[in-house]
Amino acid sequence: MRNTGEVFASALFSPWAFGYTPGMRVLGVDCGSECTGFGVVEGQGSALAFLSAGAVRLSTRQPLEMRLKKVFDELSRLISEHQPEVVAIEDIFYSVNAKSALKLGHVRGVAMMAAAQHSLPVAAYAPLAIKSSVVGYGRAEKRQVQAMVARLLRLEEVPEPADAADALAIAICHLHTVATLQRQGAARL
């Protein structure tokens, strides 16, 4: 697997508003304050193609604003390089630790800003929807999701780090959601 970086419940926009086209390319982003995973997947019908995955690793010794800049710069570079049609991220979830949730929200905002900077729509999916879409069970364990991502993308090994596998799962979820809506006739072409 190529590592290009050092580094459903709700969608921000309706998934069918993305104007699905054959060969739709999606950048999935798994936001994290220490490691932000990314994965680029292209889907055409039921066929999925792996293009890239990796992670932006962040040093906790750096000030938060420098970590956020690094995430923004790397995601912007990936968007320019891979030209996705949409960016898919995990929806906000509730956390017991407010400080961690706030840091995660900052990274999530930076990912959304990178997409907006390139005039790309952002789709957000609940963790249960992502697992359901990829594994078929919303309470699947992390290693089950990773194994299924490898299987769906016909990869010889499970994507590493785990954040990259999660980002690929988010991208796959978006492609499955849009394809399902299209099959149901809900998508506007």
Protein backbone atom coordinates (compact mmCIF):
# COMPACT_ATOMS: atom_id res chain seq x y z
CA MET A 1 0.00 0.00 0.00
CA ARG A 2 1.28 3.43 -0.91
CA ASN A 3 1.60 5.88 1.97
CA THR A 4 1.58 9.39 0.59
CA GLY A 5 1.74 11.19 3.89
CA GLU A 6 4.13 11.41 6.79
CA VAL A 7 2.83 12.27 8.10
CA PHE A 8 -25.45 7.34 8.34
CA ALA A 9 -26.93 9.32 10.09
CA SER A 10 -26.38 12.85 8.99
CA ALA A 11 -24.61 14.52 6.13
CA LEU A 12 -23.67 18.18 6.04
CA PHE A 13 -25.16 18.20 2.58
CA SER A 14 -27.50 15.56 1.21
CA PRO A 15 -25.39 12.73 -0.28
CA TRP A 16 -27.46 12.78 -3.48
CA ALA A 17 -26.66 16.46 -3.95
CA PHE A 18 -23.06 15.55 -4.75
CA GLY A 19 -23.91 14.84 -8.37
CA TYR A 20 -22.57 11.30 -8.40
CA THR A 21 -20.63 10.56 -11.53
CA PRO A 22 -19.12 7.30 -12.74
CA GLY A 23 -15.70 6.97 -11.21
CA MET A 24 -16.50 9.24 -8.25
CA ARG A 25 -13.39 9.90 -6.20
CA VAL A 26 -13.72 10.47 -2.44
CA LEU A 27 -11.19 11.65 0.12
CA GLY A 28 -12.04 10.12 3.49
CA VAL A 29 -10.59 11.83 6.56
CA ASP A 30 -10.40 10.32 10.05
CA CYS A 31 -9.78 13.37 12.22
CA GLY A 32 -7.50 13.03 15.21
CA SER A 33 -5.47 15.42 17.33
CA GLU A 34 -2.34 13.23 17.20
CA CYS A 35 -2.87 11.32 13.97
CA THR A 36 -5.29 12.24 11.18
CA GLY A 37 -5.88 9.44 8.72
CA PHE A 38 -6.71 9.89 5.06
CA GLY A 39 -7.80 7.58 2.28
CA VAL A 40 -8.68 8.13 -1.35
CA VAL A 41 -11.09 5.69 -2.97
CA GLU A 42 -12.72 5.72 -6.37
CA GLY A 43 -16.02 3.99 -6.93
CA GLN A 44 -17.81 2.99 -10.09
CA GLY A 45 -20.96 1.01 -9.54
CA SER A 46 -20.09 -1.69 -7.04
CA ALA A 47 -16.39 -1.61 -7.94
CA LEU A 48 -14.06 0.18 -5.53
CA ALA A 49 -10.49 1.18 -6.31
CA PHE A 50 -7.85 2.08 -3.73
CA LEU A 51 -5.79 5.11 -4.71
CA SER A 52 -3.94 6.26 -1.60
CA ALA A 53 -3.92 6.16 2.20
CA GLY A 54 -1.79 7.29 5.08
CA ALA A 55 -1.76 9.59 8.05
CA VAL A 56 -0.67 13.04 9.08
CA ARG A 57 1.22 12.49 12.33
CA LEU A 58 1.19 15.39 14.74
CA SER A 59 3.60 16.13 17.55
CA THR A 60 1.91 16.94 20.85
CA ARG A 61 4.95 19.11 21.62
CA GLN A 62 3.95 21.57 18.92
CA PRO A 63 1.38 24.28 19.63
CA LEU A 64 -2.14 23.36 18.54
CA GLU A 65 -2.19 26.01 15.80
CA MET A 66 0.93 24.50 14.18
CA ARG A 67 -0.60 21.01 14.28
CA LEU A 68 -3.77 22.34 12.68
CA LYS A 69 -1.74 24.08 9.97
CA LYS A 70 0.04 20.81 9.22
CA VAL A 71 -3.29 18.98 8.82
CA PHE A 72 -4.64 21.76 6.59
CA ASP A 73 -1.52 21.84 4.41
CA GLU A 74 -1.40 18.05 3.98
CA LEU A 75 -5.12 17.72 3.20
CA SER A 76 -4.88 20.61 0.73
CA ARG A 77 -1.94 18.88 -0.96
CA LEU A 78 -3.89 15.61 -1.16
CA ILE A 79 -6.92 17.35 -2.62
CA SER A 80 -4.76 19.03 -5.27
CA GLU A 81 -2.98 15.75 -6.07
CA HIS A 82 -5.99 13.39 -6.19
CA GLN A 83 -8.79 15.79 -7.26
CA PRO A 84 -11.62 14.17 -5.26
CA GLU A 85 -15.20 15.22 -5.90
CA VAL A 86 -16.14 15.14 -2.23
CA VAL A 87 -14.53 14.92 1.21
CA ALA A 88 -16.13 12.52 3.71
CA ILE A 89 -15.52 12.77 7.44
CA GLU A 90 -16.85 11.22 10.62
CA ASP A 91 -19.73 13.08 12.22
CA ILE A 92 -19.36 14.66 15.64
CA PHE A 93 -19.88 12.26 18.51
CA TYR A 94 -20.22 12.86 22.20
CA SER A 95 -17.17 12.43 24.38
CA VAL A 96 -16.75 12.22 28.12
CA ASN A 97 -13.52 14.24 27.87
CA ALA A 98 -14.50 17.75 26.77
CA LYS A 99 -10.90 18.81 26.12
CA SER A 100 -10.31 15.89 23.73
CA ALA A 101 -13.62 16.54 21.98
CA LEU A 102 -12.69 20.19 21.52
CA LYS A 103 -9.30 19.30 19.97
CA LEU A 104 -11.01 16.82 17.68
CA GLY A 105 -13.48 19.52 16.69
CA HIS A 106 -10.60 21.82 15.75
CA VAL A 107 -9.09 19.17 13.46
CA ARG A 108 -12.50 18.42 11.98
CA GLY A 109 -12.99 22.14 11.25
CA VAL A 110 -9.61 22.31 9.54
CA ALA A 111 -10.52 19.31 7.35
CA MET A 112 -13.77 21.02 6.39
CA MET A 113 -11.91 24.25 5.65
CA ALA A 114 -9.45 22.43 3.36
CA ALA A 115 -12.42 21.02 1.44
CA ALA A 116 -14.12 24.42 1.27
CA GLN A 117 -10.87 26.02 0.08
CA HIS A 118 -11.08 23.71 -2.94
CA SER A 119 -14.87 24.21 -3.35
CA LEU A 120 -15.60 20.60 -2.38
CA PRO A 121 -18.71 19.45 -0.53
CA VAL A 122 -18.26 17.67 2.80
CA ALA A 123 -20.33 14.65 3.88
CA ALA A 124 -20.35 13.59 7.52
CA TYR A 125 -21.35 10.11 8.69
CA ALA A 126 -22.01 8.74 12.15
CA PRO A 127 -19.60 6.04 13.36
CA LEU A 128 -22.44 3.47 13.43
CA ALA A 129 -23.33 4.28 9.81
CA ILE A 130 -19.72 3.89 8.69
CA LYS A 131 -19.34 0.49 10.36
CA SER A 132 -22.73 -0.61 9.07
CA SER A 133 -21.87 0.40 5.53
CA VAL A 134 -18.51 -1.36 5.51
CA VAL A 135 -19.06 -4.40 7.75
CA GLY A 136 -22.84 -4.68 7.80
CA TYR A 137 -22.97 -4.26 11.57
CA GLY A 138 -22.92 -0.89 13.33
CA ARG A 139 -21.22 -2.22 16.46
CA ALA A 140 -18.36 -3.93 14.62
CA GLU A 141 -14.94 -3.87 16.25
CA LYS A 142 -12.11 -1.78 14.82
CA ARG A 143 -10.19 -4.81 13.52
CA GLN A 144 -13.33 -6.08 11.73
CA VAL A 145 -13.64 -2.74 9.93
CA GLN A 146 -9.95 -2.81 8.98
CA ALA A 147 -10.19 -6.36 7.64
CA MET A 148 -13.29 -5.55 5.60
CA VAL A 149 -11.69 -2.39 4.18
CA ALA A 150 -8.75 -4.53 2.98
CA ARG A 151 -11.15 -7.06 1.48
CA LEU A 152 -13.37 -4.48 -0.27
CA LEU A 153 -10.36 -2.71 -1.76
CA ARG A 154 -8.58 -5.99 -2.61
CA LEU A 155 -5.52 -5.06 -0.57
CA GLU A 156 -3.01 -7.71 0.40
CA GLU A 157 -2.78 -6.42 3.96
CA VAL A 158 -4.77 -4.34 6.39
CA PRO A 159 -4.10 -0.62 5.85
CA GLU A 160 -1.79 0.93 8.44
CA PRO A 161 -1.98 2.94 10.54
CA ALA A 162 -5.48 2.21 11.85
CA ASP A 163 -6.40 5.85 11.18
CA ALA A 164 -5.78 5.30 7.46
CA ALA A 165 -8.06 2.25 7.47
CA ASP A 166 -10.74 4.30 9.24
CA ALA A 167 -10.42 7.06 6.63
CA LEU A 168 -10.80 4.51 3.84
CA ALA A 169 -13.91 3.15 5.60
CA ILE A 170 -15.39 6.66 5.68
CA ALA A 171 -14.75 7.08 1.94
CA ILE A 172 -16.29 3.65 1.22
CA CYS A 173 -19.32 4.58 3.34
CA HIS A 174 -19.91 7.67 1.23
CA LEU A 175 -19.61 5.73 -2.03
CA HIS A 176 -22.00 3.05 -0.76
CA THR A 177 -24.49 5.67 0.43
CA VAL A 178 -24.51 7.56 -2.86
CA ALA A 179 -24.72 4.34 -4.91
CA THR A 180 -27.64 3.10 -2.80
CA LEU A 181 -29.49 6.38 -3.16
CA GLN A 182 -28.86 6.33 -6.88
CA ARG A 183 -30.20 2.77 -7.18
CA GLN A 184 -33.30 3.84 -5.27
CA GLY A 185 -33.83 6.66 -7.73
CA ALA A 186 -33.29 9.33 -5.08
CA ALA A 187 -30.12 10.67 -6.68
CA ARG A 188 -30.26 13.56 -9.09
CA LEU A 189 -27.87 13.16 -12.01
